[in-house]
Amino acid sequence: MMNQTSLLAMSLGIGIGATLIMDLWSAIMRRIGIATLNYGWLGRWCLHWKNGIWFHSSIKDAAPVRGENIIGWALHYLTGIVFAFALLTTVSPAWIHSPTVAPALLFGGVTVLIPWLVLQPALGAGLAGTKMPHPWKSRAAGFATHLIFGLGLYLSAKAISLT
């Protein structure tokens, strides 16, 4: 059985590692011309909450907010840590000591539901990107990115289990 401190430490390491791997993937996608989320917009969205604004017709047209980039990137990494924590509390304790790829990939694939059902509608892109110029391309890119996040969960857990 893992204690709370160990669980939090592992969540931190695995979440940051998986998010870094996802960000490397996103950088490759941008380099080949595939758009990815601007995390400054995530920060902008959250910073507009203080004014009671939860939904935007287009987040890129919303008024910029000081600190949106740092807040957005911090929230991006915090989300990765929270997702790692959620994975670690749902898999068997044996997985933590001997990770396998299937649960991590499955979990990563499921995490795409958060942007599809919450983030994209709130930013003005519609449910699962229906208002985007090429919704199915966007969905495919998002799903692939979240599978890469799942692979990152596995690789980070594997690296930690070897130490």
C-alpha atoms as a PDB file:
ATOM      1  CA  MET A   1       0.000   0.000   0.000  1.00  0.00           C
ATOM      2  CA  MET A   2       1.329   3.427  -0.911  1.00  0.00           C
ATOM      3  CA  ASN A   3       1.161   6.286   1.577  1.00  0.00           C
ATOM      4  CA  GLN A   4      -0.292   9.691   0.679  1.00  0.00           C
ATOM      5  CA  THR A   5       3.116  11.369   0.370  1.00  0.00           C
ATOM      6  CA  SER A   6       4.378   8.695  -2.025  1.00  0.00           C
ATOM      7  CA  LEU A   7       1.183   8.883  -4.061  1.00  0.00           C
ATOM      8  CA  LEU A   8       1.460  12.665  -4.366  1.00  0.00           C
ATOM      9  CA  ALA A   9       5.160  12.497  -5.239  1.00  0.00           C
ATOM     10  CA  MET A  10       4.543   9.852  -7.903  1.00  0.00           C
ATOM     11  CA  SER A  11       1.613  11.854  -9.286  1.00  0.00           C
ATOM     12  CA  LEU A  12       3.854  14.905  -9.513  1.00  0.00           C
ATOM     13  CA  GLY A  13       6.656  13.044 -11.323  1.00  0.00           C
ATOM     14  CA  ILE A  14       4.410  11.042 -13.632  1.00  0.00           C
ATOM     15  CA  GLY A  15       2.124  13.989 -14.400  1.00  0.00           C
ATOM     16  CA  ILE A  16       4.970  16.355 -15.236  1.00  0.00           C
ATOM     17  CA  GLY A  17       6.765  13.690 -17.287  1.00  0.00           C
ATOM     18  CA  ALA A  18       3.643  12.767 -19.260  1.00  0.00           C
ATOM     19  CA  THR A  19       2.800  16.419 -19.895  1.00  0.00           C
ATOM     20  CA  LEU A  20       6.340  17.089 -21.129  1.00  0.00           C
ATOM     21  CA  ILE A  21       6.050  14.182 -23.567  1.00  0.00           C
ATOM     22  CA  MET A  22       2.684  15.517 -24.727  1.00  0.00           C
ATOM     23  CA  ASP A  23       4.228  18.963 -25.221  1.00  0.00           C
ATOM     24  CA  LEU A  24       7.047  17.494 -27.322  1.00  0.00           C
ATOM     25  CA  TRP A  25       4.424  15.786 -29.474  1.00  0.00           C
ATOM     26  CA  SER A  26       2.483  19.060 -29.778  1.00  0.00           C
ATOM     27  CA  ALA A  27       5.651  20.885 -30.838  1.00  0.00           C
ATOM     28  CA  ILE A  28       6.169  18.314 -33.601  1.00  0.00           C
ATOM     29  CA  MET A  29       2.548  18.727 -34.688  1.00  0.00           C
ATOM     30  CA  ARG A  30       2.900  22.520 -34.861  1.00  0.00           C
ATOM     31  CA  ARG A  31       6.118  22.134 -36.843  1.00  0.00           C
ATOM     32  CA  ILE A  32       4.272  20.130 -39.506  1.00  0.00           C
ATOM     33  CA  GLY A  33       1.396  22.620 -39.600  1.00  0.00           C
ATOM     34  CA  ILE A  34      -1.167  21.058 -37.263  1.00  0.00           C
ATOM     35  CA  ALA A  35      -2.632  23.568 -34.824  1.00  0.00           C
ATOM     36  CA  THR A  36      -2.548  22.785 -31.101  1.00  0.00           C
ATOM     37  CA  LEU A  37      -4.054  24.523 -28.099  1.00  0.00           C
ATOM     38  CA  ASN A  38      -2.558  27.861 -27.149  1.00  0.00           C
ATOM     39  CA  TYR A  39      -2.268  27.468 -23.365  1.00  0.00           C
ATOM     40  CA  GLY A  40      -2.423  31.238 -22.992  1.00  0.00           C
ATOM     41  CA  TRP A  41      -6.071  30.893 -24.046  1.00  0.00           C
ATOM     42  CA  LEU A  42      -6.593  28.410 -21.217  1.00  0.00           C
ATOM     43  CA  GLY A  43      -5.226  31.036 -18.835  1.00  0.00           C
ATOM     44  CA  ARG A  44      -7.358  33.736 -20.439  1.00  0.00           C
ATOM     45  CA  TRP A  45     -10.461  31.575 -20.019  1.00  0.00           C
ATOM     46  CA  CYS A  46      -9.758  30.941 -16.342  1.00  0.00           C
ATOM     47  CA  LEU A  47      -8.831  34.543 -15.602  1.00  0.00           C
ATOM     48  CA  HIS A  48     -12.147  35.712 -17.085  1.00  0.00           C
ATOM     49  CA  TRP A  49     -13.975  33.620 -14.462  1.00  0.00           C
ATOM     50  CA  LYS A  50     -13.432  36.386 -11.888  1.00  0.00           C
ATOM     51  CA  ASN A  51     -15.761  38.525 -14.046  1.00  0.00           C
ATOM     52  CA  GLY A  52     -18.342  35.732 -14.183  1.00  0.00           C
ATOM     53  CA  ILE A  53     -17.534  34.863 -17.792  1.00  0.00           C
ATOM     54  CA  TRP A  54     -17.456  31.086 -18.239  1.00  0.00           C
ATOM     55  CA  PHE A  55     -18.182  30.762 -21.947  1.00  0.00           C
ATOM     56  CA  HIS A  56     -16.814  32.691 -24.918  1.00  0.00           C
ATOM     57  CA  SER A  57     -17.970  32.860 -28.503  1.00  0.00           C
ATOM     58  CA  SER A  58     -14.256  32.873 -29.394  1.00  0.00           C
ATOM     59  CA  ILE A  59     -11.527  32.874 -26.753  1.00  0.00           C
ATOM     60  CA  LYS A  60      -9.020  34.370 -29.186  1.00  0.00           C
ATOM     61  CA  ASP A  61     -11.301  37.428 -29.515  1.00  0.00           C
ATOM     62  CA  ALA A  62     -11.786  37.770 -25.745  1.00  0.00           C
ATOM     63  CA  ALA A  63      -9.866  40.542 -24.033  1.00  0.00           C
ATOM     64  CA  PRO A  64      -6.311  39.444 -23.178  1.00  0.00           C
ATOM     65  CA  VAL A  65      -5.581  39.230 -19.459  1.00  0.00           C
ATOM     66  CA  ARG A  66      -2.251  39.969 -17.817  1.00  0.00           C
ATOM     67  CA  GLY A  67      -0.522  36.717 -16.827  1.00  0.00           C
ATOM     68  CA  GLU A  68      -2.670  34.494 -19.045  1.00  0.00           C
ATOM     69  CA  ASN A  69       0.306  32.621 -20.514  1.00  0.00           C
ATOM     70  CA  ILE A  70       1.881  31.691 -17.184  1.00  0.00           C
ATOM     71  CA  ILE A  71      -1.498  30.780 -15.703  1.00  0.00           C
ATOM     72  CA  GLY A  72      -2.410  28.710 -18.761  1.00  0.00           C
ATOM     73  CA  TRP A  73       0.845  26.764 -18.757  1.00  0.00           C
ATOM     74  CA  ALA A  74       0.648  26.217 -14.981  1.00  0.00           C
ATOM     75  CA  LEU A  75      -2.913  24.902 -15.342  1.00  0.00           C
ATOM     76  CA  HIS A  76      -1.821  22.651 -18.199  1.00  0.00           C
ATOM     77  CA  TYR A  77       0.824  21.018 -15.995  1.00  0.00           C
ATOM     78  CA  LEU A  78      -1.475  20.924 -12.967  1.00  0.00           C
ATOM     79  CA  THR A  79      -4.029  19.090 -15.096  1.00  0.00           C
ATOM     80  CA  GLY A  80      -1.370  16.533 -16.074  1.00  0.00           C
ATOM     81  CA  ILE A  81      -0.541  15.992 -12.391  1.00  0.00           C
ATOM     82  CA  VAL A  82      -4.227  15.627 -11.469  1.00  0.00           C
ATOM     83  CA  PHE A  83      -4.722  13.147 -14.311  1.00  0.00           C
ATOM     84  CA  ALA A  84      -1.696  11.146 -13.106  1.00  0.00           C
ATOM     85  CA  PHE A  85      -3.150  11.124  -9.594  1.00  0.00           C
ATOM     86  CA  ALA A  86      -6.488   9.908 -10.992  1.00  0.00           C
ATOM     87  CA  LEU A  87      -4.738   7.121 -12.903  1.00  0.00           C
ATOM     88  CA  LEU A  88      -2.734   6.048  -9.867  1.00  0.00           C
ATOM     89  CA  THR A  89      -5.858   5.884  -7.716  1.00  0.00           C
ATOM     90  CA  THR A  90      -7.751   3.777 -10.276  1.00  0.00           C
ATOM     91  CA  VAL A  91      -5.140   1.178 -11.276  1.00  0.00           C
ATOM     92  CA  SER A  92      -4.099  -1.654  -9.031  1.00  0.00           C
ATOM     93  CA  PRO A  93      -1.231  -0.921  -6.644  1.00  0.00           C
ATOM     94  CA  ALA A  94       0.814  -3.512  -8.535  1.00  0.00           C
ATOM     95  CA  TRP A  95       0.683  -1.323 -11.672  1.00  0.00           C
ATOM     96  CA  ILE A  96       2.536   1.447  -9.862  1.00  0.00           C
ATOM     97  CA  HIS A  97       5.484  -0.862  -9.234  1.00  0.00           C
ATOM     98  CA  SER A  98       5.348  -2.594 -12.605  1.00  0.00           C
ATOM     99  CA  PRO A  99       3.582  -0.333 -15.127  1.00  0.00           C
ATOM    100  CA  THR A 100       2.056  -1.691 -18.321  1.00  0.00           C
ATOM    101  CA  VAL A 101       1.113   0.371 -21.338  1.00  0.00           C
ATOM    102  CA  ALA A 102      -2.570  -0.588 -21.833  1.00  0.00           C
ATOM    103  CA  PRO A 103      -4.081   1.087 -18.733  1.00  0.00           C
ATOM    104  CA  ALA A 104      -2.076   4.262 -19.344  1.00  0.00           C
ATOM    105  CA  LEU A 105      -3.089   4.462 -23.029  1.00  0.00           C
ATOM    106  CA  LEU A 106      -6.724   3.796 -22.176  1.00  0.00           C
ATOM    107  CA  PHE A 107      -6.666   6.440 -19.468  1.00  0.00           C
ATOM    108  CA  GLY A 108      -4.931   8.930 -21.774  1.00  0.00           C
ATOM    109  CA  GLY A 109      -7.531   8.320 -24.470  1.00  0.00           C
ATOM    110  CA  VAL A 110     -10.360   8.928 -22.008  1.00  0.00           C
ATOM    111  CA  THR A 111      -8.847  12.247 -20.882  1.00  0.00           C
ATOM    112  CA  VAL A 112      -9.681  13.752 -24.294  1.00  0.00           C
ATOM    113  CA  LEU A 113     -13.278  13.948 -23.072  1.00  0.00           C
ATOM    114  CA  ILE A 114     -12.380  16.908 -20.837  1.00  0.00           C
ATOM    115  CA  PRO A 115     -11.371  19.206 -23.711  1.00  0.00           C
ATOM    116  CA  TRP A 116     -14.141  17.898 -25.966  1.00  0.00           C
ATOM    117  CA  LEU A 117     -16.931  18.281 -23.404  1.00  0.00           C
ATOM    118  CA  VAL A 118     -15.715  21.197 -21.263  1.00  0.00           C
ATOM    119  CA  LEU A 119     -12.831  23.216 -22.667  1.00  0.00           C
ATOM    120  CA  GLN A 120     -13.742  23.451 -26.356  1.00  0.00           C
ATOM    121  CA  PRO A 121     -17.372  24.494 -25.725  1.00  0.00           C
ATOM    122  CA  ALA A 122     -16.209  27.082 -23.164  1.00  0.00           C
ATOM    123  CA  LEU A 123     -13.610  28.528 -25.549  1.00  0.00           C
ATOM    124  CA  GLY A 124     -16.120  28.853 -28.371  1.00  0.00           C
ATOM    125  CA  ALA A 125     -15.028  25.857 -30.442  1.00  0.00           C
ATOM    126  CA  GLY A 126     -18.245  23.914 -29.807  1.00  0.00           C
ATOM    127  CA  LEU A 127     -18.824  20.474 -28.379  1.00  0.00           C
ATOM    128  CA  ALA A 128     -15.907  18.309 -29.530  1.00  0.00           C
ATOM    129  CA  GLY A 129     -14.769  21.098 -31.828  1.00  0.00           C
ATOM    130  CA  THR A 130     -17.945  21.241 -33.948  1.00  0.00           C
ATOM    131  CA  LYS A 131     -17.382  24.952 -34.673  1.00  0.00           C
ATOM    132  CA  MET A 132     -13.791  24.475 -35.788  1.00  0.00           C
ATOM    133  CA  PRO A 133     -12.938  24.668 -39.528  1.00  0.00           C
ATOM    134  CA  HIS A 134     -12.140  20.937 -39.703  1.00  0.00           C
ATOM    135  CA  PRO A 135     -13.817  19.266 -36.701  1.00  0.00           C
ATOM    136  CA  TRP A 136     -12.738  15.699 -37.501  1.00  0.00           C
ATOM    137  CA  LYS A 137      -9.119  16.711 -38.061  1.00  0.00           C
ATOM    138  CA  SER A 138      -9.233  18.544 -34.741  1.00  0.00           C
ATOM    139  CA  ARG A 139     -10.741  15.528 -32.981  1.00  0.00           C
ATOM    140  CA  ALA A 140      -8.184  13.170 -34.490  1.00  0.00           C
ATOM    141  CA  ALA A 141      -5.299  15.453 -33.497  1.00  0.00           C
ATOM    142  CA  GLY A 142      -6.725  15.858 -29.982  1.00  0.00           C
ATOM    143  CA  PHE A 143      -7.270  12.129 -29.547  1.00  0.00           C
ATOM    144  CA  ALA A 144      -3.756  11.355 -30.802  1.00  0.00           C
ATOM    145  CA  THR A 145      -2.322  13.952 -28.427  1.00  0.00           C
ATOM    146  CA  HIS A 146      -4.137  12.405 -25.482  1.00  0.00           C
ATOM    147  CA  LEU A 147      -2.949   8.926 -26.482  1.00  0.00           C
ATOM    148  CA  ILE A 148       0.582  10.354 -26.461  1.00  0.00           C
ATOM    149  CA  PHE A 149      -0.169  11.740 -22.993  1.00  0.00           C
ATOM    150  CA  GLY A 150      -1.191   8.183 -22.019  1.00  0.00           C
ATOM    151  CA  LEU A 151       2.068   6.857 -23.443  1.00  0.00           C
ATOM    152  CA  GLY A 152       3.818   9.559 -21.411  1.00  0.00           C
ATOM    153  CA  LEU A 153       2.022   8.341 -18.273  1.00  0.00           C
ATOM    154  CA  TYR A 154       3.361   4.848 -18.940  1.00  0.00           C
ATOM    155  CA  LEU A 155       6.907   5.953 -19.792  1.00  0.00           C
ATOM    156  CA  SER A 156       7.104   8.265 -16.769  1.00  0.00           C
ATOM    157  CA  ALA A 157       5.696   5.585 -14.439  1.00  0.00           C
ATOM    158  CA  LYS A 158       8.158   3.059 -15.898  1.00  0.00           C
ATOM    159  CA  ALA A 159      11.082   5.458 -15.354  1.00  0.00           C
ATOM    160  CA  ILE A 160      10.017   6.092 -11.762  1.00  0.00           C
ATOM    161  CA  SER A 161       9.518   2.380 -11.084  1.00  0.00           C
ATOM    162  CA  LEU A 162      13.102   1.710 -12.174  1.00  0.00           C
ATOM    163  CA  THR A 163      14.578   4.106  -9.590  1.00  0.00           C
END
